[in-house]
Amino acid sequence: MELLLPYLRAFLVGGGFCVIAQILIDRTKLTPARILVLYVVAGVVLGAMGVYQPLIEFAGAGATTPLTGFGFLIAKGVREAVEEKGLLGALTGGLSAAAGGIAGALVLGYLACLFTKGNPKA
């Protein structure tokens, strides 16, 4: 059972983020794009408040995979780069911290396009 506990925590936290997003879609007039931006900003704000790092330690991928984790990662990268490089780090830190994930998404998206037949909506 102890082996499954990290997976359960990741599922519950990540699923909780999905439930909140679905409620926002169903009950408000927010568009999915605005909800995505809200999640990224929420990750930044929760990281600044010191709440998100303990959530990551508790839930692992359930907290780092959603867009809130992306916002937290960018803010953490900026914070660390500013400490190392000064004000110039505010411009470079977020991108360098998230470069691996962004590159992976681009490469896998490109490969998916190569091996599947797209059906663009007209």
PDB file of N, CA and C in Angstrom:
ATOM      1  N   MET A   1       0.829  -1.200   0.000  1.00  0.00           N
ATOM      2  CA  MET A   1       0.000   0.000   0.000  1.00  0.00           C
ATOM      3  C   MET A   1       0.867   1.254   0.000  1.00  0.00           C
ATOM      4  N   GLU A   2       1.998   1.179   0.689  1.00  0.00           N
ATOM      5  CA  GLU A   2       2.879   2.337   0.763  1.00  0.00           C
ATOM      6  C   GLU A   2       3.447   2.697  -0.608  1.00  0.00           C
ATOM      7  N   LEU A   3       3.564   1.713  -1.477  1.00  0.00           N
ATOM      8  CA  LEU A   3       4.047   1.938  -2.836  1.00  0.00           C
ATOM      9  C   LEU A   3       3.032   2.728  -3.664  1.00  0.00           C
ATOM     10  N   LEU A   4       1.764   2.546  -3.401  1.00  0.00           N
ATOM     11  CA  LEU A   4       0.705   3.209  -4.163  1.00  0.00           C
ATOM     12  C   LEU A   4       0.355   4.594  -3.630  1.00  0.00           C
ATOM     13  N   LEU A   5       0.766   4.917  -2.418  1.00  0.00           N
ATOM     14  CA  LEU A   5       0.391   6.183  -1.792  1.00  0.00           C
ATOM     15  C   LEU A   5       0.836   7.415  -2.585  1.00  0.00           C
ATOM     16  N   PRO A   6       2.072   7.478  -3.107  1.00  0.00           N
ATOM     17  CA  PRO A   6       2.438   8.653  -3.906  1.00  0.00           C
ATOM     18  C   PRO A   6       1.569   8.826  -5.150  1.00  0.00           C
ATOM     19  N   TYR A   7       1.179   7.713  -5.775  1.00  0.00           N
ATOM     20  CA  TYR A   7       0.315   7.792  -6.943  1.00  0.00           C
ATOM     21  C   TYR A   7      -1.075   8.291  -6.567  1.00  0.00           C
ATOM     22  N   LEU A   8      -1.573   7.846  -5.440  1.00  0.00           N
ATOM     23  CA  LEU A   8      -2.878   8.290  -4.975  1.00  0.00           C
ATOM     24  C   LEU A   8      -2.872   9.786  -4.671  1.00  0.00           C
ATOM     25  N   ARG A   9      -1.821  10.254  -3.996  1.00  0.00           N
ATOM     26  CA  ARG A   9      -1.727  11.690  -3.690  1.00  0.00           C
ATOM     27  C   ARG A   9      -1.632  12.514  -4.970  1.00  0.00           C
ATOM     28  N   ALA A  10      -0.826  12.054  -5.935  1.00  0.00           N
ATOM     29  CA  ALA A  10      -0.708  12.774  -7.209  1.00  0.00           C
ATOM     30  C   ALA A  10      -2.052  12.809  -7.924  1.00  0.00           C
ATOM     31  N   PHE A  11      -2.750  11.687  -7.922  1.00  0.00           N
ATOM     32  CA  PHE A  11      -4.053  11.608  -8.582  1.00  0.00           C
ATOM     33  C   PHE A  11      -5.056  12.544  -7.918  1.00  0.00           C
ATOM     34  N   LEU A  12      -5.081  12.567  -6.604  1.00  0.00           N
ATOM     35  CA  LEU A  12      -6.062  13.398  -5.898  1.00  0.00           C
ATOM     36  C   LEU A  12      -5.785  14.885  -6.093  1.00  0.00           C
ATOM     37  N   VAL A  13      -4.530  15.290  -6.010  1.00  0.00           N
ATOM     38  CA  VAL A  13      -4.214  16.712  -6.168  1.00  0.00           C
ATOM     39  C   VAL A  13      -4.395  17.140  -7.620  1.00  0.00           C
ATOM     40  N   GLY A  14      -3.843  16.374  -8.563  1.00  0.00           N
ATOM     41  CA  GLY A  14      -4.024  16.707  -9.972  1.00  0.00           C
ATOM     42  C   GLY A  14      -5.489  16.663 -10.376  1.00  0.00           C
ATOM     43  N   GLY A  15      -6.209  15.674  -9.879  1.00  0.00           N
ATOM     44  CA  GLY A  15      -7.640  15.588 -10.146  1.00  0.00           C
ATOM     45  C   GLY A  15      -8.398  16.740  -9.530  1.00  0.00           C
ATOM     46  N   GLY A  16      -7.959  17.189  -8.370  1.00  0.00           N
ATOM     47  CA  GLY A  16      -8.590  18.354  -7.741  1.00  0.00           C
ATOM     48  C   GLY A  16      -8.453  19.599  -8.602  1.00  0.00           C
ATOM     49  N   PHE A  17      -7.272  19.786  -9.197  1.00  0.00           N
ATOM     50  CA  PHE A  17      -7.088  20.913 -10.113  1.00  0.00           C
ATOM     51  C   PHE A  17      -8.037  20.789 -11.306  1.00  0.00           C
ATOM     52  N   CYS A  18      -8.189  19.578 -11.818  1.00  0.00           N
ATOM     53  CA  CYS A  18      -9.092  19.355 -12.963  1.00  0.00           C
ATOM     54  C   CYS A  18     -10.550  19.620 -12.577  1.00  0.00           C
ATOM     55  N   VAL A  19     -10.946  19.203 -11.387  1.00  0.00           N
ATOM     56  CA  VAL A  19     -12.316  19.428 -10.930  1.00  0.00           C
ATOM     57  C   VAL A  19     -12.594  20.919 -10.807  1.00  0.00           C
ATOM     58  N   ILE A  20     -11.643  21.659 -10.244  1.00  0.00           N
ATOM     59  CA  ILE A  20     -11.824  23.110 -10.112  1.00  0.00           C
ATOM     60  C   ILE A  20     -11.963  23.754 -11.485  1.00  0.00           C
ATOM     61  N   ALA A  21     -11.119  23.342 -12.430  1.00  0.00           N
ATOM     62  CA  ALA A  21     -11.204  23.904 -13.780  1.00  0.00           C
ATOM     63  C   ALA A  21     -12.546  23.571 -14.429  1.00  0.00           C
ATOM     64  N   GLN A  22     -13.005  22.353 -14.253  1.00  0.00           N
ATOM     65  CA  GLN A  22     -14.282  21.964 -14.854  1.00  0.00           C
ATOM     66  C   GLN A  22     -15.439  22.744 -14.241  1.00  0.00           C
ATOM     67  N   ILE A  23     -15.386  22.967 -12.945  1.00  0.00           N
ATOM     68  CA  ILE A  23     -16.425  23.782 -12.295  1.00  0.00           C
ATOM     69  C   ILE A  23     -16.395  25.200 -12.839  1.00  0.00           C
ATOM     70  N   LEU A  24     -15.200  25.756 -13.028  1.00  0.00           N
ATOM     71  CA  LEU A  24     -15.095  27.104 -13.589  1.00  0.00           C
ATOM     72  C   LEU A  24     -15.655  27.159 -15.005  1.00  0.00           C
ATOM     73  N   ILE A  25     -15.402  26.119 -15.798  1.00  0.00           N
ATOM     74  CA  ILE A  25     -15.934  26.077 -17.161  1.00  0.00           C
ATOM     75  C   ILE A  25     -17.461  25.992 -17.134  1.00  0.00           C
ATOM     76  N   ASP A  26     -17.997  25.138 -16.261  1.00  0.00           N
ATOM     77  CA  ASP A  26     -19.437  24.899 -16.227  1.00  0.00           C
ATOM     78  C   ASP A  26     -20.233  26.027 -15.582  1.00  0.00           C
ATOM     79  N   ARG A  27     -19.682  26.662 -14.565  1.00  0.00           N
ATOM     80  CA  ARG A  27     -20.467  27.599 -13.752  1.00  0.00           C
ATOM     81  C   ARG A  27     -20.173  29.076 -14.022  1.00  0.00           C
ATOM     82  N   THR A  28     -19.131  29.373 -14.786  1.00  0.00           N
ATOM     83  CA  THR A  28     -18.791  30.768 -15.058  1.00  0.00           C
ATOM     84  C   THR A  28     -18.757  30.993 -16.562  1.00  0.00           C
ATOM     85  N   LYS A  29     -18.558  32.214 -16.938  1.00  0.00           N
ATOM     86  CA  LYS A  29     -18.437  32.554 -18.359  1.00  0.00           C
ATOM     87  C   LYS A  29     -16.971  32.633 -18.773  1.00  0.00           C
ATOM     88  N   LEU A  30     -16.079  32.137 -17.924  1.00  0.00           N
ATOM     89  CA  LEU A  30     -14.660  32.152 -18.266  1.00  0.00           C
ATOM     90  C   LEU A  30     -14.386  31.183 -19.411  1.00  0.00           C
ATOM     91  N   THR A  31     -13.571  31.616 -20.349  1.00  0.00           N
ATOM     92  CA  THR A  31     -13.179  30.738 -21.443  1.00  0.00           C
ATOM     93  C   THR A  31     -12.048  29.828 -20.960  1.00  0.00           C
ATOM     94  N   PRO A  32     -11.850  28.697 -21.623  1.00  0.00           N
ATOM     95  CA  PRO A  32     -10.745  27.821 -21.224  1.00  0.00           C
ATOM     96  C   PRO A  32      -9.389  28.531 -21.247  1.00  0.00           C
ATOM     97  N   ALA A  33      -9.184  29.422 -22.202  1.00  0.00           N
ATOM     98  CA  ALA A  33      -7.914  30.148 -22.258  1.00  0.00           C
ATOM     99  C   ALA A  33      -7.712  31.007 -21.015  1.00  0.00           C
ATOM    100  N   ARG A  34      -8.761  31.643 -20.555  1.00  0.00           N
ATOM    101  CA  ARG A  34      -8.640  32.472 -19.349  1.00  0.00           C
ATOM    102  C   ARG A  34      -8.415  31.615 -18.109  1.00  0.00           C
ATOM    103  N   ILE A  35      -9.005  30.448 -18.088  1.00  0.00           N
ATOM    104  CA  ILE A  35      -8.786  29.539 -16.960  1.00  0.00           C
ATOM    105  C   ILE A  35      -7.337  29.053 -16.952  1.00  0.00           C
ATOM    106  N   LEU A  36      -6.785  28.790 -18.122  1.00  0.00           N
ATOM    107  CA  LEU A  36      -5.379  28.379 -18.201  1.00  0.00           C
ATOM    108  C   LEU A  36      -4.464  29.481 -17.663  1.00  0.00           C
ATOM    109  N   VAL A  37      -4.734  30.709 -18.069  1.00  0.00           N
ATOM    110  CA  VAL A  37      -3.940  31.834 -17.565  1.00  0.00           C
ATOM    111  C   VAL A  37      -4.122  31.977 -16.062  1.00  0.00           C
ATOM    112  N   LEU A  38      -5.346  31.815 -15.594  1.00  0.00           N
ATOM    113  CA  LEU A  38      -5.621  31.879 -14.154  1.00  0.00           C
ATOM    114  C   LEU A  38      -4.811  30.834 -13.395  1.00  0.00           C
ATOM    115  N   TYR A  39      -4.710  29.633 -13.941  1.00  0.00           N
ATOM    116  CA  TYR A  39      -3.936  28.571 -13.286  1.00  0.00           C
ATOM    117  C   TYR A  39      -2.449  28.899 -13.242  1.00  0.00           C
ATOM    118  N   VAL A  40      -1.908  29.447 -14.327  1.00  0.00           N
ATOM    119  CA  VAL A  40      -0.486  29.812 -14.323  1.00  0.00           C
ATOM    120  C   VAL A  40      -0.228  30.902 -13.289  1.00  0.00           C
ATOM    121  N   VAL A  41      -1.082  31.904 -13.262  1.00  0.00           N
ATOM    122  CA  VAL A  41      -0.923  32.995 -12.292  1.00  0.00           C
ATOM    123  C   VAL A  41      -1.107  32.471 -10.867  1.00  0.00           C
ATOM    124  N   ALA A  42      -2.043  31.553 -10.668  1.00  0.00           N
ATOM    125  CA  ALA A  42      -2.247  30.970  -9.346  1.00  0.00           C
ATOM    126  C   ALA A  42      -0.991  30.235  -8.875  1.00  0.00           C
ATOM    127  N   GLY A  43      -0.314  29.550  -9.793  1.00  0.00           N
ATOM    128  CA  GLY A  43       0.938  28.881  -9.436  1.00  0.00           C
ATOM    129  C   GLY A  43       2.002  29.868  -9.001  1.00  0.00           C
ATOM    130  N   VAL A  44       2.071  31.003  -9.685  1.00  0.00           N
ATOM    131  CA  VAL A  44       3.025  32.047  -9.306  1.00  0.00           C
ATOM    132  C   VAL A  44       2.691  32.595  -7.928  1.00  0.00           C
ATOM    133  N   VAL A  45       1.426  32.916  -7.712  1.00  0.00           N
ATOM    134  CA  VAL A  45       1.004  33.510  -6.434  1.00  0.00           C
ATOM    135  C   VAL A  45       1.183  32.519  -5.285  1.00  0.00           C
ATOM    136  N   LEU A  46       0.771  31.272  -5.484  1.00  0.00           N
ATOM    137  CA  LEU A  46       0.939  30.271  -4.418  1.00  0.00           C
ATOM    138  C   LEU A  46       2.413  30.008  -4.130  1.00  0.00           C
ATOM    139  N   GLY A  47       3.245  30.069  -5.160  1.00  0.00           N
ATOM    140  CA  GLY A  47       4.679  29.922  -4.945  1.00  0.00           C
ATOM    141  C   GLY A  47       5.248  31.080  -4.151  1.00  0.00           C
ATOM    142  N   ALA A  48       4.791  32.296  -4.454  1.00  0.00           N
ATOM    143  CA  ALA A  48       5.258  33.477  -3.725  1.00  0.00           C
ATOM    144  C   ALA A  48       4.827  33.443  -2.267  1.00  0.00           C
ATOM    145  N   MET A  49       3.664  32.838  -2.005  1.00  0.00           N
ATOM    146  CA  MET A  49       3.168  32.736  -0.633  1.00  0.00           C
ATOM    147  C   MET A  49       3.827  31.590   0.133  1.00  0.00           C
ATOM    148  N   GLY A  50       4.605  30.766  -0.560  1.00  0.00           N
ATOM    149  CA  GLY A  50       5.267  29.645   0.091  1.00  0.00           C
ATOM    150  C   GLY A  50       4.391  28.428   0.275  1.00  0.00           C
ATOM    151  N   VAL A  51       3.263  28.372  -0.431  1.00  0.00           N
ATOM    152  CA  VAL A  51       2.314  27.277  -0.283  1.00  0.00           C
ATOM    153  C   VAL A  51       2.569  26.170  -1.295  1.00  0.00           C
ATOM    154  N   TYR A  52       3.073  26.521  -2.470  1.00  0.00           N
ATOM    155  CA  TYR A  52       3.144  25.541  -3.549  1.00  0.00           C
ATOM    156  C   TYR A  52       4.263  24.520  -3.373  1.00  0.00           C
ATOM    157  N   GLN A  53       5.395  24.905  -2.829  1.00  0.00           N
ATOM    158  CA  GLN A  53       6.488  23.950  -2.637  1.00  0.00           C
ATOM    159  C   GLN A  53       6.083  22.798  -1.708  1.00  0.00           C
ATOM    160  N   PRO A  54       5.425  23.048  -0.579  1.00  0.00           N
ATOM    161  CA  PRO A  54       4.945  21.918   0.221  1.00  0.00           C
ATOM    162  C   PRO A  54       3.929  21.047  -0.520  1.00  0.00           C
ATOM    163  N   LEU A  55       3.113  21.663  -1.378  1.00  0.00           N
ATOM    164  CA  LEU A  55       2.164  20.890  -2.171  1.00  0.00           C
ATOM    165  C   LEU A  55       2.903  19.972  -3.150  1.00  0.00           C
ATOM    166  N   ILE A  56       3.986  20.462  -3.736  1.00  0.00           N
ATOM    167  CA  ILE A  56       4.804  19.640  -4.633  1.00  0.00           C
ATOM    168  C   ILE A  56       5.433  18.487  -3.873  1.00  0.00           C
ATOM    169  N   GLU A  57       5.926  18.761  -2.687  1.00  0.00           N
ATOM    170  CA  GLU A  57       6.531  17.687  -1.882  1.00  0.00           C
ATOM    171  C   GLU A  57       5.495  16.641  -1.479  1.00  0.00           C
ATOM    172  N   PHE A  58       4.253  17.047  -1.308  1.00  0.00           N
ATOM    173  CA  PHE A  58       3.190  16.121  -0.937  1.00  0.00           C
ATOM    174  C   PHE A  58       2.696  15.317  -2.135  1.00  0.00           C
ATOM    175  N   ALA A  59       2.423  16.007  -3.254  1.00  0.00           N
ATOM    176  CA  ALA A  59       1.732  15.374  -4.379  1.00  0.00           C
ATOM    177  C   ALA A  59       2.633  15.025  -5.552  1.00  0.00           C
ATOM    178  N   GLY A  60       3.855  15.503  -5.595  1.00  0.00           N
ATOM    179  CA  GLY A  60       4.752  15.187  -6.702  1.00  0.00           C
ATOM    180  C   GLY A  60       4.201  15.667  -8.027  1.00  0.00           C
ATOM    181  N   ALA A  61       4.085  14.743  -8.992  1.00  0.00           N
ATOM    182  CA  ALA A  61       3.633  15.095 -10.338  1.00  0.00           C
ATOM    183  C   ALA A  61       2.207  15.620 -10.358  1.00  0.00           C
ATOM    184  N   GLY A  62       1.417  15.319  -9.353  1.00  0.00           N
ATOM    185  CA  GLY A  62       0.062  15.858  -9.283  1.00  0.00           C
ATOM    186  C   GLY A  62       0.048  17.359  -9.111  1.00  0.00           C
ATOM    187  N   ALA A  63       1.159  17.927  -8.636  1.00  0.00           N
ATOM    188  CA  ALA A  63       1.260  19.373  -8.469  1.00  0.00           C
ATOM    189  C   ALA A  63       2.184  20.016  -9.495  1.00  0.00           C
ATOM    190  N   THR A  64       3.143  19.263 -10.045  1.00  0.00           N
ATOM    191  CA  THR A  64       4.073  19.870 -11.000  1.00  0.00           C
ATOM    192  C   THR A  64       3.578  19.798 -12.434  1.00  0.00           C
ATOM    193  N   THR A  65       2.739  18.832 -12.754  1.00  0.00           N
ATOM    194  CA  THR A  65       2.283  18.659 -14.134  1.00  0.00           C
ATOM    195  C   THR A  65       1.233  19.686 -14.556  1.00  0.00           C
ATOM    196  N   PRO A  66       0.257  20.052 -13.723  1.00  0.00           N
ATOM    197  CA  PRO A  66      -0.733  21.043 -14.166  1.00  0.00           C
ATOM    198  C   PRO A  66      -0.101  22.411 -14.417  1.00  0.00           C
ATOM    199  N   LEU A  67      -0.869  23.295 -15.008  1.00  0.00           N
ATOM    200  CA  LEU A  67      -0.364  24.630 -15.334  1.00  0.00           C
ATOM    201  C   LEU A  67       0.034  25.427 -14.101  1.00  0.00           C
ATOM    202  N   THR A  68      -0.526  25.126 -12.968  1.00  0.00           N
ATOM    203  CA  THR A  68      -0.087  25.808 -11.749  1.00  0.00           C
ATOM    204  C   THR A  68       1.378  25.488 -11.481  1.00  0.00           C
ATOM    205  N   GLY A  69       1.797  24.268 -11.762  1.00  0.00           N
ATOM    206  CA  GLY A  69       3.202  23.893 -11.612  1.00  0.00           C
ATOM    207  C   GLY A  69       4.089  24.640 -12.583  1.00  0.00           C
ATOM    208  N   PHE A  70       3.596  24.906 -13.794  1.00  0.00           N
ATOM    209  CA  PHE A  70       4.343  25.675 -14.778  1.00  0.00           C
ATOM    210  C   PHE A  70       4.551  27.106 -14.288  1.00  0.00           C
ATOM    211  N   GLY A  71       3.492  27.707 -13.748  1.00  0.00           N
ATOM    212  CA  GLY A  71       3.615  29.058 -13.196  1.00  0.00           C
ATOM    213  C   GLY A  71       4.596  29.102 -12.037  1.00  0.00           C
ATOM    214  N   PHE A  72       4.525  28.096 -11.166  1.00  0.00           N
ATOM    215  CA  PHE A  72       5.459  28.023 -10.045  1.00  0.00           C
ATOM    216  C   PHE A  72       6.894  27.887 -10.540  1.00  0.00           C
ATOM    217  N   LEU A  73       7.112  27.038 -11.555  1.00  0.00           N
ATOM    218  CA  LEU A  73       8.448  26.826 -12.100  1.00  0.00           C
ATOM    219  C   LEU A  73       9.020  28.101 -12.704  1.00  0.00           C
ATOM    220  N   ILE A  74       8.211  28.832 -13.445  1.00  0.00           N
ATOM    221  CA  ILE A  74       8.673  30.084 -14.045  1.00  0.00           C
ATOM    222  C   ILE A  74       9.040  31.088 -12.954  1.00  0.00           C
ATOM    223  N   ALA A  75       8.186  31.239 -11.962  1.00  0.00           N
ATOM    224  CA  ALA A  75       8.463  32.195 -10.884  1.00  0.00           C
ATOM    225  C   ALA A  75       9.706  31.801 -10.099  1.00  0.00           C
ATOM    226  N   LYS A  76       9.872  30.513  -9.851  1.00  0.00           N
ATOM    227  CA  LYS A  76      11.052  30.042  -9.133  1.00  0.00           C
ATOM    228  C   LYS A  76      12.313  30.309  -9.957  1.00  0.00           C
ATOM    229  N   GLY A  77      12.248  30.077 -11.260  1.00  0.00           N
ATOM    230  CA  GLY A  77      13.389  30.347 -12.131  1.00  0.00           C
ATOM    231  C   GLY A  77      13.757  31.814 -12.150  1.00  0.00           C
ATOM    232  N   VAL A  78      12.759  32.680 -12.201  1.00  0.00           N
ATOM    233  CA  VAL A  78      13.016  34.122 -12.183  1.00  0.00           C
ATOM    234  C   VAL A  78      13.646  34.529 -10.865  1.00  0.00           C
ATOM    235  N   ARG A  79      13.096  34.012  -9.770  1.00  0.00           N
ATOM    236  CA  ARG A  79      13.621  34.358  -8.446  1.00  0.00           C
ATOM    237  C   ARG A  79      15.087  33.956  -8.313  1.00  0.00           C
ATOM    238  N   GLU A  80      15.419  32.730  -8.745  1.00  0.00           N
ATOM    239  CA  GLU A  80      16.799  32.254  -8.646  1.00  0.00           C
ATOM    240  C   GLU A  80      17.736  33.026  -9.576  1.00  0.00           C
ATOM    241  N   ALA A  81      17.266  33.350 -10.785  1.00  0.00           N
ATOM    242  CA  ALA A  81      18.104  34.083 -11.731  1.00  0.00           C
ATOM    243  C   ALA A  81      18.350  35.509 -11.272  1.00  0.00           C
ATOM    244  N   VAL A  82      17.366  36.118 -10.636  1.00  0.00           N
ATOM    245  CA  VAL A  82      17.558  37.479 -10.115  1.00  0.00           C
ATOM    246  C   VAL A  82      18.604  37.470  -9.000  1.00  0.00           C
ATOM    247  N   GLU A  83      18.584  36.433  -8.167  1.00  0.00           N
ATOM    248  CA  GLU A  83      19.591  36.329  -7.108  1.00  0.00           C
ATOM    249  C   GLU A  83      20.994  36.169  -7.688  1.00  0.00           C
ATOM    250  N   GLU A  84      21.119  35.434  -8.799  1.00  0.00           N
ATOM    251  CA  GLU A  84      22.430  35.187  -9.404  1.00  0.00           C
ATOM    252  C   GLU A  84      22.899  36.316 -10.310  1.00  0.00           C
ATOM    253  N   LYS A  85      21.995  36.828 -11.175  1.00  0.00           N
ATOM    254  CA  LYS A  85      22.388  37.758 -12.233  1.00  0.00           C
ATOM    255  C   LYS A  85      21.856  39.172 -12.048  1.00  0.00           C
ATOM    256  N   GLY A  86      21.090  39.399 -11.027  1.00  0.00           N
ATOM    257  CA  GLY A  86      20.502  40.710 -10.835  1.00  0.00           C
ATOM    258  C   GLY A  86      19.261  40.894 -11.692  1.00  0.00           C
ATOM    259  N   LEU A  87      19.004  42.129 -12.083  1.00  0.00           N
ATOM    260  CA  LEU A  87      17.784  42.459 -12.811  1.00  0.00           C
ATOM    261  C   LEU A  87      17.685  41.735 -14.152  1.00  0.00           C
ATOM    262  N   LEU A  88      18.805  41.450 -14.786  1.00  0.00           N
ATOM    263  CA  LEU A  88      18.782  40.719 -16.056  1.00  0.00           C
ATOM    264  C   LEU A  88      18.174  39.331 -15.881  1.00  0.00           C
ATOM    265  N   GLY A  89      18.304  38.753 -14.721  1.00  0.00           N
ATOM    266  CA  GLY A  89      17.725  37.449 -14.442  1.00  0.00           C
ATOM    267  C   GLY A  89      16.210  37.436 -14.515  1.00  0.00           C
ATOM    268  N   ALA A  90      15.579  38.590 -14.307  1.00  0.00           N
ATOM    269  CA  ALA A  90      14.115  38.668 -14.413  1.00  0.00           C
ATOM    270  C   ALA A  90      13.655  38.410 -15.842  1.00  0.00           C
ATOM    271  N   LEU A  91      14.525  38.683 -16.802  1.00  0.00           N
ATOM    272  CA  LEU A  91      14.171  38.473 -18.203  1.00  0.00           C
ATOM    273  C   LEU A  91      14.515  37.073 -18.691  1.00  0.00           C
ATOM    274  N   THR A  92      15.496  36.439 -18.088  1.00  0.00           N
ATOM    275  CA  THR A  92      15.973  35.155 -18.599  1.00  0.00           C
ATOM    276  C   THR A  92      15.612  33.973 -17.718  1.00  0.00           C
ATOM    277  N   GLY A  93      15.355  34.186 -16.468  1.00  0.00           N
ATOM    278  CA  GLY A  93      15.180  33.090 -15.513  1.00  0.00           C
ATOM    279  C   GLY A  93      14.010  32.179 -15.779  1.00  0.00           C
ATOM    280  N   GLY A  94      12.865  32.740 -16.109  1.00  0.00           N
ATOM    281  CA  GLY A  94      11.682  31.919 -16.335  1.00  0.00           C
ATOM    282  C   GLY A  94      11.824  30.999 -17.526  1.00  0.00           C
ATOM    283  N   LEU A  95      12.371  31.533 -18.602  1.00  0.00           N
ATOM    284  CA  LEU A  95      12.521  30.723 -19.806  1.00  0.00           C
ATOM    285  C   LEU A  95      13.569  29.631 -19.621  1.00  0.00           C
ATOM    286  N   SER A  96      14.671  29.955 -18.980  1.00  0.00           N
ATOM    287  CA  SER A  96      15.703  28.933 -18.788  1.00  0.00           C
ATOM    288  C   SER A  96      15.239  27.853 -17.810  1.00  0.00           C
ATOM    289  N   ALA A  97      14.413  28.205 -16.843  1.00  0.00           N
ATOM    290  CA  ALA A  97      13.917  27.209 -15.893  1.00  0.00           C
ATOM    291  C   ALA A  97      12.939  26.248 -16.550  1.00  0.00           C
ATOM    292  N   ALA A  98      12.159  26.738 -17.490  1.00  0.00           N
ATOM    293  CA  ALA A  98      11.125  25.913 -18.117  1.00  0.00           C
ATOM    294  C   ALA A  98      11.534  25.395 -19.491  1.00  0.00           C
ATOM    295  N   ALA A  99      12.775  25.613 -19.899  1.00  0.00           N
ATOM    296  CA  ALA A  99      13.211  25.267 -21.257  1.00  0.00           C
ATOM    297  C   ALA A  99      13.053  23.780 -21.562  1.00  0.00           C
ATOM    298  N   GLY A 100      13.360  22.920 -20.626  1.00  0.00           N
ATOM    299  CA  GLY A 100      13.249  21.483 -20.873  1.00  0.00           C
ATOM    300  C   GLY A 100      11.819  21.062 -21.164  1.00  0.00           C
ATOM    301  N   GLY A 101      10.885  21.538 -20.385  1.00  0.00           N
ATOM    302  CA  GLY A 101       9.484  21.203 -20.598  1.00  0.00           C
ATOM    303  C   GLY A 101       8.936  21.783 -21.888  1.00  0.00           C
ATOM    304  N   ILE A 102       9.334  23.015 -22.190  1.00  0.00           N
ATOM    305  CA  ILE A 102       8.872  23.649 -23.423  1.00  0.00           C
ATOM    306  C   ILE A 102       9.430  22.905 -24.633  1.00  0.00           C
ATOM    307  N   ALA A 103      10.720  22.573 -24.595  1.00  0.00           N
ATOM    308  CA  ALA A 103      11.334  21.845 -25.714  1.00  0.00           C
ATOM    309  C   ALA A 103      10.689  20.469 -25.885  1.00  0.00           C
ATOM    310  N   GLY A 104      10.430  19.786 -24.786  1.00  0.00           N
ATOM    311  CA  GLY A 104       9.782  18.483 -24.864  1.00  0.00           C
ATOM    312  C   GLY A 104       8.396  18.571 -25.482  1.00  0.00           C
ATOM    313  N   ALA A 105       7.636  19.571 -25.095  1.00  0.00           N
ATOM    314  CA  ALA A 105       6.300  19.747 -25.649  1.00  0.00           C
ATOM    315  C   ALA A 105       6.347  20.033 -27.145  1.00  0.00           C
ATOM    316  N   LEU A 106       7.305  20.837 -27.561  1.00  0.00           N
ATOM    317  CA  LEU A 106       7.431  21.148 -28.983  1.00  0.00           C
ATOM    318  C   LEU A 106       7.833  19.921 -29.792  1.00  0.00           C
ATOM    319  N   VAL A 107       8.827  19.187 -29.317  1.00  0.00           N
ATOM    320  CA  VAL A 107       9.291  18.005 -30.043  1.00  0.00           C
ATOM    321  C   VAL A 107       8.199  16.939 -30.111  1.00  0.00           C
ATOM    322  N   LEU A 108       7.565  16.650 -28.993  1.00  0.00           N
ATOM    323  CA  LEU A 108       6.514  15.633 -28.995  1.00  0.00           C
ATOM    324  C   LEU A 108       5.295  16.073 -29.808  1.00  0.00           C
ATOM    325  N   GLY A 109       4.972  17.354 -29.780  1.00  0.00           N
ATOM    326  CA  GLY A 109       3.888  17.857 -30.611  1.00  0.00           C
ATOM    327  C   GLY A 109       4.204  17.725 -32.087  1.00  0.00           C
ATOM    328  N   TYR A 110       5.438  18.009 -32.457  1.00  0.00           N
ATOM    329  CA  TYR A 110       5.860  17.859 -33.846  1.00  0.00           C
ATOM    330  C   TYR A 110       5.808  16.395 -34.273  1.00  0.00           C
ATOM    331  N   LEU A 111       6.296  15.501 -33.414  1.00  0.00           N
ATOM    332  CA  LEU A 111       6.249  14.079 -33.738  1.00  0.00           C
ATOM    333  C   LEU A 111       4.809  13.580 -33.867  1.00  0.00           C
ATOM    334  N   ALA A 112       3.942  14.075 -33.014  1.00  0.00           N
ATOM    335  CA  ALA A 112       2.534  13.690 -33.112  1.00  0.00           C
ATOM    336  C   ALA A 112       1.945  14.154 -34.436  1.00  0.00           C
ATOM    337  N   CYS A 113       2.353  15.319 -34.911  1.00  0.00           N
ATOM    338  CA  CYS A 113       1.872  15.805 -36.205  1.00  0.00           C
ATOM    339  C   CYS A 113       2.384  14.942 -37.353  1.00  0.00           C
ATOM    340  N   LEU A 114       3.611  14.472 -37.228  1.00  0.00           N
ATOM    341  CA  LEU A 114       4.183  13.642 -38.294  1.00  0.00           C
ATOM    342  C   LEU A 114       3.490  12.296 -38.422  1.00  0.00           C
ATOM    343  N   PHE A 115       3.109  11.721 -37.306  1.00  0.00           N
ATOM    344  CA  PHE A 115       2.586  10.354 -37.306  1.00  0.00           C
ATOM    345  C   PHE A 115       1.071  10.240 -37.242  1.00  0.00           C
ATOM    346  N   THR A 116       0.382  11.365 -37.189  1.00  0.00           N
ATOM    347  CA  THR A 116      -1.075  11.319 -37.179  1.00  0.00           C
ATOM    348  C   THR A 116      -1.621  12.220 -38.280  1.00  0.00           C
ATOM    349  N   LYS A 117      -2.811  11.942 -38.677  1.00  0.00           N
ATOM    350  CA  LYS A 117      -3.451  12.761 -39.696  1.00  0.00           C
ATOM    351  C   LYS A 117      -4.309  13.804 -38.994  1.00  0.00           C
ATOM    352  N   GLY A 118      -3.896  15.054 -39.125  1.00  0.00           N
ATOM    353  CA  GLY A 118      -4.639  16.138 -38.510  1.00  0.00           C
ATOM    354  C   GLY A 118      -5.930  16.417 -39.263  1.00  0.00           C
ATOM    355  N   ASN A 119      -6.903  16.915 -38.546  1.00  0.00           N
ATOM    356  CA  ASN A 119      -8.180  17.283 -39.134  1.00  0.00           C
ATOM    357  C   ASN A 119      -8.529  18.683 -38.668  1.00  0.00           C
ATOM    358  N   PRO A 120      -7.976  19.704 -39.348  1.00  0.00           N
ATOM    359  CA  PRO A 120      -8.232  21.078 -38.891  1.00  0.00           C
ATOM    360  C   PRO A 120      -9.707  21.438 -39.027  1.00  0.00           C
ATOM    361  N   LYS A 121     -10.168  22.203 -38.063  1.00  0.00           N
ATOM    362  CA  LYS A 121     -11.568  22.647 -38.090  1.00  0.00           C
ATOM    363  C   LYS A 121     -11.674  23.847 -39.015  1.00  0.00           C
ATOM    364  N   ALA A 122     -12.649  23.827 -39.857  1.00  0.00           N
ATOM    365  CA  ALA A 122     -12.815  24.936 -40.825  1.00  0.00           C
ATOM    366  C   ALA A 122     -13.831  25.928 -40.331  1.00  0.00           C
TER     367      ALA A 122
END
